Amino acid sequence: MIENIPLSHILIFSTLIFFTGVYGFLTRKNMITMLISIELVLNAVNINFVAINKYMFPEQLEGHFFTLFIIGIAAAEAAVAIALFINLYRNIRSIDVDEVTEMKH
């Protein structure tokens, strides 16, 4: 399946996802869209790990293990970020970056 797709096509696709995530993170003011953009960046890295591992070392699974590790970190990061967003919204009724200057009690 993946053997039929040239590595350059996978890397171009991954680059497009990566820069879409970077653009979204730098241009959006809403923290939830910024979190989604960070997830896009991490998924682009995961695609690179799996694709390069498959083409360079097809019998080994290092890329897959790195990908699982990144998915675990992304899940923990998302849980903490959502908890912060809920706390911010309860305190100041907004999750826009411009309106959040400090965490209030």
Protein backbone atom coordinates (compact mmCIF):
# COMPACT_ATOMS: atom_id res chain seq x y z
CA MET A 1 0.00 0.00 0.00
CA ILE A 2 2.48 2.67 1.13
CA GLU A 3 5.19 1.08 -1.02
CA ASN A 4 3.38 2.33 -4.15
CA ILE A 5 3.51 5.98 -3.08
CA PRO A 6 6.82 7.79 -3.68
CA LEU A 7 8.47 9.16 -0.55
CA SER A 8 8.59 12.64 -2.06
CA HIS A 9 4.78 12.74 -2.29
CA ILE A 10 4.41 11.77 1.35
CA LEU A 11 6.97 14.39 2.41
CA ILE A 12 5.24 17.09 0.36
CA PHE A 13 1.89 16.18 1.95
CA SER A 14 3.48 16.24 5.39
CA THR A 15 5.09 19.63 4.68
CA LEU A 16 1.73 21.09 3.64
CA ILE A 17 0.14 19.85 6.87
CA PHE A 18 3.07 21.19 8.91
CA PHE A 19 2.95 24.68 7.43
CA THR A 20 -0.85 24.77 7.65
CA GLY A 21 -0.44 24.15 11.37
CA VAL A 22 2.26 26.82 11.72
CA TYR A 23 0.15 29.34 9.80
CA GLY A 24 -2.91 28.56 11.92
CA PHE A 25 -0.93 28.91 15.15
CA LEU A 26 0.58 32.25 14.17
CA THR A 27 -2.53 33.88 12.73
CA ARG A 28 -5.39 32.75 14.99
CA LYS A 29 -6.44 34.44 18.22
CA ASN A 30 -8.65 31.67 19.58
CA MET A 31 -6.81 29.23 21.84
CA ILE A 32 -8.77 26.20 20.62
CA THR A 33 -7.77 26.82 17.00
CA MET A 34 -4.20 27.31 18.17
CA LEU A 35 -4.36 23.91 19.91
CA ILE A 36 -5.71 22.30 16.74
CA SER A 37 -2.85 23.89 14.80
CA ILE A 38 -0.30 22.41 17.21
CA GLU A 39 -1.93 19.01 16.70
CA LEU A 40 -1.55 19.43 12.92
CA VAL A 41 2.16 20.10 13.38
CA LEU A 42 2.56 17.00 15.55
CA ASN A 43 0.65 14.87 13.04
CA ALA A 44 2.92 16.08 10.23
CA VAL A 45 5.92 14.96 12.28
CA ASN A 46 4.25 11.58 12.86
CA ILE A 47 3.71 11.13 9.12
CA ASN A 48 7.40 11.86 8.53
CA PHE A 49 8.52 9.37 11.18
CA VAL A 50 6.41 6.55 9.77
CA ALA A 51 7.15 7.26 6.11
CA ILE A 52 10.90 7.62 6.49
CA ASN A 53 11.04 4.55 8.72
CA LYS A 54 9.07 2.54 6.15
CA TYR A 55 11.32 3.56 3.26
CA MET A 56 14.71 3.42 5.00
CA PHE A 57 14.26 0.55 7.47
CA PRO A 58 11.18 -1.45 6.41
CA GLU A 59 11.83 -4.29 8.88
CA GLN A 60 12.20 -2.05 11.95
CA LEU A 61 9.58 -0.11 13.91
CA GLU A 62 11.46 2.84 15.46
CA GLY A 63 9.37 5.39 13.56
CA HIS A 64 6.19 3.76 14.77
CA PHE A 65 7.37 3.81 18.39
CA PHE A 66 8.31 7.50 18.15
CA THR A 67 4.88 8.16 16.68
CA LEU A 68 3.13 6.38 19.55
CA PHE A 69 5.20 8.39 22.03
CA ILE A 70 4.24 11.66 20.31
CA ILE A 71 0.56 10.67 20.27
CA GLY A 72 0.73 10.06 24.02
CA ILE A 73 2.36 13.42 24.64
CA ALA A 74 -0.19 15.15 22.39
CA ALA A 75 -3.06 13.56 24.31
CA ALA A 76 -1.65 14.75 27.63
CA GLU A 77 -1.01 18.20 26.20
CA ALA A 78 -4.56 18.42 24.87
CA ALA A 79 -6.03 17.39 28.23
CA VAL A 80 -4.03 20.03 30.10
CA ALA A 81 -4.82 22.69 27.51
CA ILE A 82 -8.56 21.99 27.61
CA ALA A 83 -8.50 22.17 31.42
CA LEU A 84 -6.78 25.58 31.15
CA PHE A 85 -9.32 26.76 28.57
CA ILE A 86 -12.22 25.78 30.82
CA ASN A 87 -10.63 27.59 33.75
CA LEU A 88 -10.01 30.71 31.66
CA TYR A 89 -13.54 30.72 30.31
CA ARG A 90 -15.01 30.36 33.79
CA ASN A 91 -12.96 33.29 35.10
CA ILE A 92 -12.93 35.82 32.27
CA ARG A 93 -15.59 34.50 29.83
CA SER A 94 -13.17 34.43 26.90
CA ILE A 95 -10.48 32.22 25.40
CA ASP A 96 -9.07 34.77 22.96
CA VAL A 97 -5.35 35.31 23.32
CA ASP A 98 -5.63 39.12 23.27
CA GLU A 99 -8.03 39.19 26.22
CA VAL A 100 -6.06 36.83 28.43
CA THR A 101 -3.30 38.69 30.24
CA GLU A 102 -2.97 36.66 33.41
CA MET A 103 -4.55 33.75 35.19
CA LYS A 104 -6.97 34.97 37.83
CA HIS A 105 -8.19 33.13 40.90
